[in-house]
C-alpha atoms as a PDB file:
ATOM      1  CA  MET A   1       0.000   0.000   0.000  1.00  0.00           C
ATOM      2  CA  SER A   2       1.315   3.449  -0.815  1.00  0.00           C
ATOM      3  CA  GLU A   3       2.170   5.867   1.944  1.00  0.00           C
ATOM      4  CA  VAL A   4      -0.308   8.674   2.644  1.00  0.00           C
ATOM      5  CA  ASN A   5       1.205  12.119   2.091  1.00  0.00           C
ATOM      6  CA  VAL A   6       0.946  14.564   4.940  1.00  0.00           C
ATOM      7  CA  MET A   7       0.390  18.272   4.401  1.00  0.00           C
ATOM      8  CA  THR A   8       0.986  20.778   7.162  1.00  0.00           C
ATOM      9  CA  PRO A   9      -1.549  23.552   7.820  1.00  0.00           C
ATOM     10  CA  GLU A  10       1.106  26.042   6.633  1.00  0.00           C
ATOM     11  CA  GLU A  11       1.545  24.176   3.334  1.00  0.00           C
ATOM     12  CA  LEU A  12      -2.222  24.098   2.847  1.00  0.00           C
ATOM     13  CA  GLN A  13      -2.515  27.833   3.599  1.00  0.00           C
ATOM     14  CA  LYS A  14       0.233  28.546   1.049  1.00  0.00           C
ATOM     15  CA  ALA A  15      -1.522  26.369  -1.565  1.00  0.00           C
ATOM     16  CA  LEU A  16      -4.802  28.232  -0.940  1.00  0.00           C
ATOM     17  CA  ASP A  17      -3.034  31.608  -1.130  1.00  0.00           C
ATOM     18  CA  GLU A  18      -1.553  30.547  -4.485  1.00  0.00           C
ATOM     19  CA  ASN A  19      -4.951  29.282  -5.713  1.00  0.00           C
ATOM     20  CA  LYS A  20      -3.423  25.857  -6.286  1.00  0.00           C
ATOM     21  CA  ASP A  21      -5.822  23.351  -7.792  1.00  0.00           C
ATOM     22  CA  LEU A  22      -6.574  21.094  -4.878  1.00  0.00           C
ATOM     23  CA  ASN A  23      -9.753  19.778  -3.354  1.00  0.00           C
ATOM     24  CA  ILE A  24     -10.228  19.883   0.393  1.00  0.00           C
ATOM     25  CA  ILE A  25     -12.565  17.277   1.843  1.00  0.00           C
ATOM     26  CA  ASP A  26     -13.737  17.701   5.424  1.00  0.00           C
ATOM     27  CA  VAL A  27     -14.749  14.300   6.857  1.00  0.00           C
ATOM     28  CA  ARG A  28     -16.017  15.595  10.212  1.00  0.00           C
ATOM     29  CA  GLU A  29     -19.603  15.234  11.396  1.00  0.00           C
ATOM     30  CA  ASN A  30     -22.241  17.938  10.744  1.00  0.00           C
ATOM     31  CA  GLU A  31     -22.049  19.456  14.224  1.00  0.00           C
ATOM     32  CA  GLU A  32     -18.244  19.771  13.932  1.00  0.00           C
ATOM     33  CA  VAL A  33     -18.438  21.404  10.505  1.00  0.00           C
ATOM     34  CA  ALA A  34     -20.935  23.913  11.934  1.00  0.00           C
ATOM     35  CA  GLN A  35     -18.003  25.304  13.983  1.00  0.00           C
ATOM     36  CA  GLY A  36     -16.270  26.327  10.768  1.00  0.00           C
ATOM     37  CA  MET A  37     -14.607  24.813   7.729  1.00  0.00           C
ATOM     38  CA  ILE A  38     -11.541  25.693   5.671  1.00  0.00           C
ATOM     39  CA  PRO A  39     -12.627  27.884   2.722  1.00  0.00           C
ATOM     40  CA  THR A  40     -13.399  25.840  -0.454  1.00  0.00           C
ATOM     41  CA  ALA A  41     -13.668  22.598   1.562  1.00  0.00           C
ATOM     42  CA  GLN A  42     -16.314  20.089   0.576  1.00  0.00           C
ATOM     43  CA  HIS A  43     -18.076  18.270   3.417  1.00  0.00           C
ATOM     44  CA  ILE A  44     -18.294  14.479   3.145  1.00  0.00           C
ATOM     45  CA  PRO A  45     -18.716  12.848   6.582  1.00  0.00           C
ATOM     46  CA  LEU A  46     -16.308   9.930   7.001  1.00  0.00           C
ATOM     47  CA  GLY A  47     -19.139   7.378   6.995  1.00  0.00           C
ATOM     48  CA  ASN A  48     -20.285   8.638   3.576  1.00  0.00           C
ATOM     49  CA  VAL A  49     -16.872   8.510   1.886  1.00  0.00           C
ATOM     50  CA  PRO A  50     -17.308   4.923   0.514  1.00  0.00           C
ATOM     51  CA  GLU A  51     -20.515   5.828  -1.360  1.00  0.00           C
ATOM     52  CA  GLU A  52     -19.230   9.250  -2.472  1.00  0.00           C
ATOM     53  CA  VAL A  53     -15.831   8.045  -3.733  1.00  0.00           C
ATOM     54  CA  ASN A  54     -17.053   7.420  -7.299  1.00  0.00           C
ATOM     55  CA  LYS A  55     -18.061  11.112  -7.556  1.00  0.00           C
ATOM     56  CA  LEU A  56     -14.409  12.082  -6.983  1.00  0.00           C
ATOM     57  CA  ASP A  57     -11.793  12.257  -9.733  1.00  0.00           C
ATOM     58  CA  PRO A  58      -8.791   9.968  -9.002  1.00  0.00           C
ATOM     59  CA  ASN A  59      -6.565  12.291 -11.065  1.00  0.00           C
ATOM     60  CA  LYS A  60      -7.201  15.338  -8.878  1.00  0.00           C
ATOM     61  CA  GLU A  61      -5.329  16.341  -5.755  1.00  0.00           C
ATOM     62  CA  TYR A  62      -7.169  15.988  -2.438  1.00  0.00           C
ATOM     63  CA  VAL A  63      -6.499  17.154   1.100  1.00  0.00           C
ATOM     64  CA  MET A  64      -8.444  15.257   3.738  1.00  0.00           C
ATOM     65  CA  VAL A  65      -9.359  17.105   6.941  1.00  0.00           C
ATOM     66  CA  CYS A  66     -10.923  16.187  10.289  1.00  0.00           C
ATOM     67  CA  ARG A  67     -10.585  17.465  13.861  1.00  0.00           C
ATOM     68  CA  SER A  68      -7.219  15.944  14.784  1.00  0.00           C
ATOM     69  CA  GLY A  69      -6.039  14.040  11.684  1.00  0.00           C
ATOM     70  CA  ARG A  70      -7.095  10.481  12.618  1.00  0.00           C
ATOM     71  CA  ARG A  71     -10.353  10.134  10.682  1.00  0.00           C
ATOM     72  CA  SER A  72      -8.923  12.001   7.714  1.00  0.00           C
ATOM     73  CA  MET A  73      -5.995   9.540   7.726  1.00  0.00           C
ATOM     74  CA  ASN A  74      -8.531   6.689   7.457  1.00  0.00           C
ATOM     75  CA  ALA A  75     -10.224   8.502   4.571  1.00  0.00           C
ATOM     76  CA  SER A  76      -6.845   9.140   2.901  1.00  0.00           C
ATOM     77  CA  GLU A  77      -5.889   5.467   3.165  1.00  0.00           C
ATOM     78  CA  PHE A  78      -9.292   4.480   1.742  1.00  0.00           C
ATOM     79  CA  LEU A  79      -8.826   6.771  -1.271  1.00  0.00           C
ATOM     80  CA  ASN A  80      -5.288   5.432  -1.775  1.00  0.00           C
ATOM     81  CA  GLU A  81      -6.672   1.893  -1.877  1.00  0.00           C
ATOM     82  CA  LYS A  82      -9.180   3.037  -4.508  1.00  0.00           C
ATOM     83  CA  GLY A  83      -6.328   4.214  -6.737  1.00  0.00           C
ATOM     84  CA  PHE A  84      -6.162   7.907  -5.840  1.00  0.00           C
ATOM     85  CA  GLN A  85      -2.530   8.984  -6.242  1.00  0.00           C
ATOM     86  CA  LYS A  86      -2.549  12.563  -4.926  1.00  0.00           C
ATOM     87  CA  VAL A  87      -4.115  12.407  -1.475  1.00  0.00           C
ATOM     88  CA  HIS A  88      -2.783  14.354   1.512  1.00  0.00           C
ATOM     89  CA  ASN A  89      -3.836  14.204   5.138  1.00  0.00           C
ATOM     90  CA  LEU A  90      -3.895  17.555   6.956  1.00  0.00           C
ATOM     91  CA  GLU A  91      -1.426  17.165   9.809  1.00  0.00           C
ATOM     92  CA  GLY A  92      -3.102  17.783  13.161  1.00  0.00           C
ATOM     93  CA  GLY A  93      -6.440  18.497  11.493  1.00  0.00           C
ATOM     94  CA  MET A  94      -8.565  21.496  12.396  1.00  0.00           C
ATOM     95  CA  LEU A  95      -6.899  21.663  15.823  1.00  0.00           C
ATOM     96  CA  ASN A  96      -3.771  22.952  14.065  1.00  0.00           C
ATOM     97  CA  TRP A  97      -5.528  25.080  11.424  1.00  0.00           C
ATOM     98  CA  LYS A  98      -4.890  28.768  12.077  1.00  0.00           C
ATOM     99  CA  GLY A  99      -6.302  30.054   8.815  1.00  0.00           C
ATOM    100  CA  GLU A 100      -9.656  31.441   7.819  1.00  0.00           C
ATOM    101  CA  LEU A 101     -12.898  29.604   8.541  1.00  0.00           C
ATOM    102  CA  VAL A 102     -16.205  29.696   6.714  1.00  0.00           C
ATOM    103  CA  PHE A 103     -19.529  28.924   8.368  1.00  0.00           C
END
């Protein structure tokens, strides 16, 4: 199995500032997302990832996000197993995110 890439919050902020083409997927639950999400993030609760995976493009770059980085690591590993090559897990999750939030 291929290793999941890790992206730091600083690297993600830089990518957003540079309008890099990446897709952020927030796998937290609804009540967690209500406390704020990273701008441009798409919300897919972890439990829904298996049925939503065929709506995602395996050729695109994804950053998986949760509260602390554990659930998003599970989601990242799942996408890797499904053949996604460019998946990153946000290191430390939203606990380490210092950037802007959208509600």
